[in-house]
Amino acid sequence: MKKITCIPVSKVKDMFPLLKEGVVFSFKNLTIKQEVYEIPVYLAEDRLNFVDRDFLEKNLLGNLCFSEKNQKWFFKEVKNIQSL
């Protein structure tokens, strides 16, 4: 079993603007690229939009990423979260 480091509080604080608006972390769409795990983060304007549906690309805000090699968490932004 692989162990990963906990996400630092500072990284969670960086994501507060997203969390205020409401987001969905899509673990079913998780990808692994070059030892980096990427968890897509979608804007959840209406949670009913996400029941038994695929996520819309237009709602993708970014990816919460974990580098297995460096044991570091980071957020890769697709949309400017400051404009939310």
Protein backbone atom coordinates (compact mmCIF):
# COMPACT_ATOMS: atom_id res chain seq x y z
CA MET A 1 0.00 0.00 0.00
CA LYS A 2 1.31 3.44 -0.95
CA LYS A 3 1.20 6.27 1.55
CA ILE A 4 0.80 9.91 0.62
CA THR A 5 1.33 13.05 2.63
CA CYS A 6 -1.69 14.95 3.91
CA ILE A 7 -2.70 18.02 1.99
CA PRO A 8 -1.27 21.06 3.84
CA VAL A 9 -3.71 23.51 5.40
CA SER A 10 -2.14 26.29 3.31
CA LYS A 11 -3.19 24.47 0.10
CA VAL A 12 -6.75 24.11 1.39
CA LYS A 13 -6.79 27.84 2.24
CA ASP A 14 -5.67 28.61 -1.32
CA MET A 15 -8.79 26.78 -2.51
CA PHE A 16 -11.26 28.70 -0.28
CA PRO A 17 -12.66 30.73 -3.21
CA LEU A 18 -13.57 27.45 -4.90
CA LEU A 19 -15.01 25.88 -1.79
CA LYS A 20 -17.25 28.91 -1.16
CA GLU A 21 -18.83 28.53 -4.59
CA GLY A 22 -19.24 24.78 -4.22
CA VAL A 23 -17.17 22.21 -6.03
CA VAL A 24 -17.16 18.53 -6.85
CA PHE A 25 -13.93 16.52 -6.68
CA SER A 26 -14.30 13.85 -9.37
CA PHE A 27 -12.36 10.84 -8.14
CA LYS A 28 -13.94 8.71 -10.86
CA ASN A 29 -12.16 10.92 -13.45
CA LEU A 30 -8.80 10.83 -11.63
CA THR A 31 -5.84 10.48 -13.98
CA ILE A 32 -2.21 9.61 -13.40
CA LYS A 33 0.43 11.26 -15.59
CA GLN A 34 4.15 10.79 -14.91
CA GLU A 35 3.61 9.95 -11.22
CA VAL A 36 1.24 12.91 -10.75
CA TYR A 37 -2.31 12.13 -9.66
CA GLU A 38 -4.82 14.67 -10.99
CA ILE A 39 -8.28 14.97 -9.43
CA PRO A 40 -10.58 17.15 -11.56
CA VAL A 41 -12.40 19.91 -9.66
CA TYR A 42 -15.73 21.06 -11.13
CA LEU A 43 -17.93 24.02 -10.23
CA ALA A 44 -21.13 22.72 -8.65
CA GLU A 45 -23.66 25.43 -9.44
CA ASP A 46 -26.46 22.97 -8.80
CA ARG A 47 -25.62 19.68 -7.20
CA LEU A 48 -28.44 17.98 -9.08
CA ASN A 49 -26.45 18.58 -12.26
CA PHE A 50 -23.96 15.99 -11.03
CA VAL A 51 -26.32 13.16 -10.16
CA ASP A 52 -25.69 10.24 -12.53
CA ARG A 53 -24.21 12.50 -15.23
CA ASP A 54 -20.85 13.14 -16.75
CA PHE A 55 -19.20 16.39 -15.81
CA LEU A 56 -19.25 19.26 -18.28
CA GLU A 57 -15.87 20.52 -19.45
CA LYS A 58 -17.11 24.12 -19.13
CA ASN A 59 -17.46 23.57 -15.37
CA LEU A 60 -13.88 22.31 -14.94
CA LEU A 61 -12.00 24.73 -12.69
CA GLY A 62 -8.77 22.80 -12.45
CA ASN A 63 -7.11 19.74 -10.97
CA LEU A 64 -6.04 19.03 -7.43
CA CYS A 65 -2.71 17.27 -8.01
CA PHE A 66 -0.37 15.13 -6.00
CA SER A 67 3.19 14.39 -7.11
CA GLU A 68 4.14 10.95 -5.90
CA LYS A 69 7.81 11.64 -6.63
CA ASN A 70 7.97 14.89 -4.61
CA GLN A 71 5.17 14.02 -2.13
CA LYS A 72 3.67 17.49 -2.76
CA TRP A 73 0.15 18.73 -3.39
CA PHE A 74 -0.65 21.56 -5.84
CA PHE A 75 -3.61 22.99 -7.71
CA LYS A 76 -3.43 23.29 -11.49
CA GLU A 77 -5.91 25.99 -12.45
CA VAL A 78 -7.91 25.84 -15.68
CA LYS A 79 -10.25 28.80 -14.97
CA ASN A 80 -9.27 31.86 -12.98
CA ILE A 81 -10.71 31.14 -9.53
CA GLN A 82 -10.32 34.76 -8.46
CA SER A 83 -13.11 35.72 -10.87
CA LEU A 84 -15.67 33.46 -9.17
